[in-house]
N, C-alpha and C. Protein backbone atom coordinates (compact mmCIF):
# COMPACT_ATOMS: atom_id res chain seq x y z
N VAL A 1 24.38 7.91 -0.87
CA VAL A 1 25.45 8.21 0.12
C VAL A 1 26.34 6.98 0.37
N VAL A 2 27.54 7.00 0.00
CA VAL A 2 28.41 5.86 0.07
C VAL A 2 29.22 6.02 1.47
N LYS A 3 29.72 6.97 1.76
CA LYS A 3 30.49 7.45 3.06
C LYS A 3 30.17 8.80 3.54
N LYS A 4 29.96 8.76 5.00
CA LYS A 4 29.78 10.07 5.49
C LYS A 4 31.03 10.77 5.64
N GLY A 5 30.82 12.19 5.19
CA GLY A 5 32.10 12.96 5.28
C GLY A 5 32.17 13.71 6.64
N GLU A 6 33.15 14.85 6.55
CA GLU A 6 33.25 15.47 7.88
C GLU A 6 32.07 16.38 8.27
N GLN A 7 31.36 17.05 7.23
CA GLN A 7 30.23 17.79 7.67
C GLN A 7 28.87 17.12 7.26
N GLU A 8 27.84 17.58 8.14
CA GLU A 8 26.60 17.07 7.78
C GLU A 8 25.87 17.75 6.45
N ILE A 9 25.26 17.12 5.74
CA ILE A 9 24.61 17.72 4.51
C ILE A 9 23.16 18.21 5.13
N PRO A 10 22.86 19.48 5.08
CA PRO A 10 21.64 20.03 5.53
C PRO A 10 20.38 19.31 4.73
N GLY A 11 19.48 18.93 5.62
CA GLY A 11 18.25 18.25 5.12
C GLY A 11 18.43 16.93 4.65
N LEU A 12 19.59 16.31 4.75
CA LEU A 12 19.85 14.90 4.36
C LEU A 12 20.50 14.13 5.46
N THR A 13 21.61 14.40 5.95
CA THR A 13 22.17 13.64 7.09
C THR A 13 22.17 14.33 8.41
N ASP A 14 21.49 15.58 8.63
CA ASP A 14 21.54 16.31 9.82
C ASP A 14 20.40 15.89 10.76
N ASP A 15 19.30 15.21 10.22
CA ASP A 15 18.12 15.12 10.95
C ASP A 15 17.80 13.44 10.95
N GLN A 16 17.14 12.98 12.20
CA GLN A 16 16.76 11.55 12.23
C GLN A 16 15.29 11.59 12.00
N ARG A 17 14.87 10.77 10.98
CA ARG A 17 13.44 10.59 10.80
C ARG A 17 13.04 9.18 11.04
N PRO A 18 11.88 9.06 11.79
CA PRO A 18 11.40 7.64 12.15
C PRO A 18 11.09 6.82 11.04
N ARG A 19 11.14 5.52 11.04
CA ARG A 19 10.66 4.68 9.93
C ARG A 19 9.21 4.84 9.74
N ARG A 20 8.72 4.78 8.44
CA ARG A 20 7.20 5.07 8.29
C ARG A 20 6.42 4.03 8.78
N LEU A 21 6.83 2.83 8.47
CA LEU A 21 5.94 1.62 8.86
C LEU A 21 6.76 0.75 9.89
N GLY A 22 6.01 0.05 10.79
CA GLY A 22 6.56 -0.84 11.70
C GLY A 22 6.54 -2.33 11.02
N PRO A 23 7.00 -3.29 11.81
CA PRO A 23 6.95 -4.61 11.44
C PRO A 23 5.54 -5.26 11.24
N LYS A 24 5.46 -6.15 10.31
CA LYS A 24 4.13 -6.78 10.08
C LYS A 24 4.05 -8.24 10.67
N ARG A 25 5.25 -8.88 10.62
CA ARG A 25 5.21 -10.27 11.14
C ARG A 25 5.40 -10.33 12.72
N ALA A 26 4.57 -11.36 13.21
CA ALA A 26 4.44 -11.45 14.64
C ALA A 26 5.89 -11.57 15.18
N SER A 27 6.69 -12.33 14.87
CA SER A 27 7.99 -12.64 15.34
C SER A 27 8.92 -11.31 15.28
N HIS A 28 8.73 -10.53 14.27
CA HIS A 28 9.43 -9.37 14.12
C HIS A 28 9.00 -8.23 15.13
N ILE A 29 7.53 -8.29 15.35
CA ILE A 29 7.07 -7.30 16.34
C ILE A 29 7.62 -7.68 17.80
N ARG A 30 7.59 -9.11 18.14
CA ARG A 30 8.10 -9.62 19.29
C ARG A 30 9.62 -9.23 19.60
N LYS A 31 10.34 -9.27 18.51
CA LYS A 31 11.77 -8.83 18.57
C LYS A 31 12.04 -7.38 18.88
N LEU A 32 11.16 -6.65 18.18
CA LEU A 32 11.26 -5.18 18.35
C LEU A 32 11.01 -4.59 19.74
N PHE A 33 9.94 -5.19 20.32
CA PHE A 33 9.45 -4.89 21.70
C PHE A 33 10.06 -5.84 22.78
N ALA A 34 10.74 -6.85 22.46
CA ALA A 34 11.43 -7.62 23.43
C ALA A 34 10.15 -8.33 24.19
N LEU A 35 9.32 -9.00 23.43
CA LEU A 35 8.09 -9.62 24.05
C LEU A 35 8.36 -11.04 24.38
N GLU A 36 7.70 -11.72 25.17
CA GLU A 36 7.75 -13.07 25.37
C GLU A 36 6.61 -13.86 24.28
N LYS A 37 6.61 -15.20 24.29
CA LYS A 37 5.62 -15.78 23.53
C LYS A 37 4.24 -15.58 23.91
N LYS A 38 4.02 -15.58 25.35
CA LYS A 38 2.76 -15.47 25.81
C LYS A 38 2.08 -14.06 25.76
N ASP A 39 2.95 -13.05 25.41
CA ASP A 39 2.46 -11.70 25.35
C ASP A 39 1.67 -11.54 24.08
N ASP A 40 0.63 -10.54 24.23
CA ASP A 40 -0.27 -10.39 23.06
C ASP A 40 0.40 -9.35 22.11
N VAL A 41 0.60 -9.85 20.94
CA VAL A 41 1.29 -9.02 19.82
C VAL A 41 0.46 -7.98 19.35
N ARG A 42 -0.84 -8.23 19.33
CA ARG A 42 -1.77 -7.22 18.74
C ARG A 42 -1.90 -5.87 19.38
N LYS A 43 -1.47 -5.97 20.67
CA LYS A 43 -1.31 -4.61 21.43
C LYS A 43 -0.13 -3.84 21.16
N PHE A 44 0.78 -4.44 20.57
CA PHE A 44 2.20 -3.66 20.32
C PHE A 44 2.28 -3.30 18.79
N VAL A 45 1.26 -3.48 18.01
CA VAL A 45 1.48 -3.26 16.54
C VAL A 45 1.53 -1.68 16.33
N VAL A 46 2.42 -1.37 15.47
CA VAL A 46 2.74 0.15 15.17
C VAL A 46 1.55 0.63 14.37
N ARG A 47 0.79 1.59 14.90
CA ARG A 47 -0.41 2.11 14.15
C ARG A 47 -0.01 3.46 13.56
N ARG A 48 -0.62 3.82 12.47
CA ARG A 48 -0.32 5.18 11.96
C ARG A 48 -1.62 5.85 11.65
N GLU A 49 -1.61 7.12 11.72
CA GLU A 49 -2.75 7.99 11.62
C GLU A 49 -3.09 8.41 10.25
N VAL A 50 -4.32 8.09 9.87
CA VAL A 50 -4.68 8.48 8.42
C VAL A 50 -5.89 9.32 8.53
N LYS A 51 -5.95 10.58 8.26
CA LYS A 51 -7.01 11.66 8.47
C LYS A 51 -7.40 11.59 9.99
N LYS A 52 -8.58 10.96 10.17
CA LYS A 52 -9.14 10.95 11.63
C LYS A 52 -8.95 9.70 12.33
N THR A 53 -8.65 8.45 11.60
CA THR A 53 -8.57 7.06 12.12
C THR A 53 -7.17 6.75 12.27
N THR A 54 -6.95 5.55 12.85
CA THR A 54 -5.67 5.03 12.78
C THR A 54 -5.69 3.69 12.16
N LYS A 55 -4.62 3.25 11.35
CA LYS A 55 -4.49 2.01 10.68
C LYS A 55 -3.36 1.19 11.13
N ALA A 56 -3.64 -0.26 11.12
CA ALA A 56 -2.62 -1.03 11.56
C ALA A 56 -2.56 -2.14 10.55
N PRO A 57 -1.36 -2.66 10.29
CA PRO A 57 -1.30 -3.86 9.33
C PRO A 57 -1.96 -5.09 9.85
N LYS A 58 -2.12 -6.05 8.92
CA LYS A 58 -2.77 -7.35 9.24
C LYS A 58 -1.51 -8.24 9.68
N ILE A 59 -1.48 -8.74 10.88
CA ILE A 59 -0.33 -9.41 11.43
C ILE A 59 -0.23 -10.82 10.90
N GLN A 60 0.90 -11.10 10.10
CA GLN A 60 1.21 -12.30 9.66
C GLN A 60 1.76 -13.30 10.64
N ARG A 61 1.51 -14.61 10.40
CA ARG A 61 2.19 -15.69 11.31
C ARG A 61 1.56 -15.42 12.80
N LEU A 62 0.46 -15.02 12.92
CA LEU A 62 -0.16 -14.76 14.33
C LEU A 62 -0.90 -16.12 14.67
N ILE A 63 -0.46 -16.64 15.82
CA ILE A 63 -0.98 -17.93 16.20
C ILE A 63 -2.31 -17.58 17.09
N THR A 64 -3.46 -17.93 16.52
CA THR A 64 -4.73 -17.70 17.03
C THR A 64 -5.38 -18.90 17.52
N PRO A 65 -6.40 -18.86 18.50
CA PRO A 65 -7.09 -20.15 18.83
C PRO A 65 -7.81 -20.83 17.53
N ASN A 66 -8.30 -20.19 16.80
CA ASN A 66 -8.74 -20.61 15.42
C ASN A 66 -7.68 -21.40 14.65
N MET A 67 -6.56 -20.88 14.46
CA MET A 67 -5.45 -21.59 13.82
C MET A 67 -4.94 -22.94 14.39
N LEU A 68 -5.02 -22.94 15.79
CA LEU A 68 -4.78 -24.08 16.55
C LEU A 68 -5.78 -25.13 16.26
N GLN A 69 -7.10 -24.74 16.39
CA GLN A 69 -8.20 -25.64 16.10
C GLN A 69 -8.12 -26.12 14.65
N ARG A 70 -7.72 -25.41 13.64
CA ARG A 70 -7.51 -25.98 12.33
C ARG A 70 -6.53 -26.98 12.19
N LYS A 71 -5.37 -26.73 12.96
CA LYS A 71 -4.21 -27.66 13.00
C LYS A 71 -4.57 -28.98 13.62
N ARG A 72 -5.41 -28.87 14.60
CA ARG A 72 -5.95 -30.21 15.32
C ARG A 72 -6.69 -30.90 14.39
N TYR A 73 -7.56 -30.23 13.62
CA TYR A 73 -8.58 -30.90 12.72
C TYR A 73 -7.74 -31.64 11.61
N TYR A 74 -6.75 -30.82 11.11
CA TYR A 74 -6.00 -31.52 9.97
C TYR A 74 -5.28 -32.68 10.48
N LYS A 75 -4.68 -32.59 11.71
CA LYS A 75 -4.07 -33.75 12.20
C LYS A 75 -4.90 -35.02 12.44
N SER A 76 -6.25 -34.66 12.81
CA SER A 76 -7.19 -35.87 13.10
C SER A 76 -7.64 -36.43 11.87
N ILE A 77 -7.61 -35.83 10.75
CA ILE A 77 -7.95 -36.29 9.42
C ILE A 77 -6.69 -37.32 8.99
N ILE A 78 -5.56 -37.03 9.29
CA ILE A 78 -4.41 -37.76 8.79
C ILE A 78 -4.34 -39.12 9.56
N ARG A 79 -4.78 -39.14 10.88
CA ARG A 79 -4.73 -40.36 11.64
C ARG A 79 -5.81 -41.35 11.27
């Protein structure tokens, strides 16, 4: 579809369908829900239902206490 015409095409342009998957990167999740840095991103991940359970993506670029510890360790080796 290049340009929208005068009439809606039934089944194509007349209905609004939600996006199938939500964002995966931590900063994109923050942007979508207008979160601050201190807010926990893991509580706002878009989950999808599969059979009886729900699935959520593995959040990329998530700053965890473990990551900060690793960063401190690497810096201590350099010094």
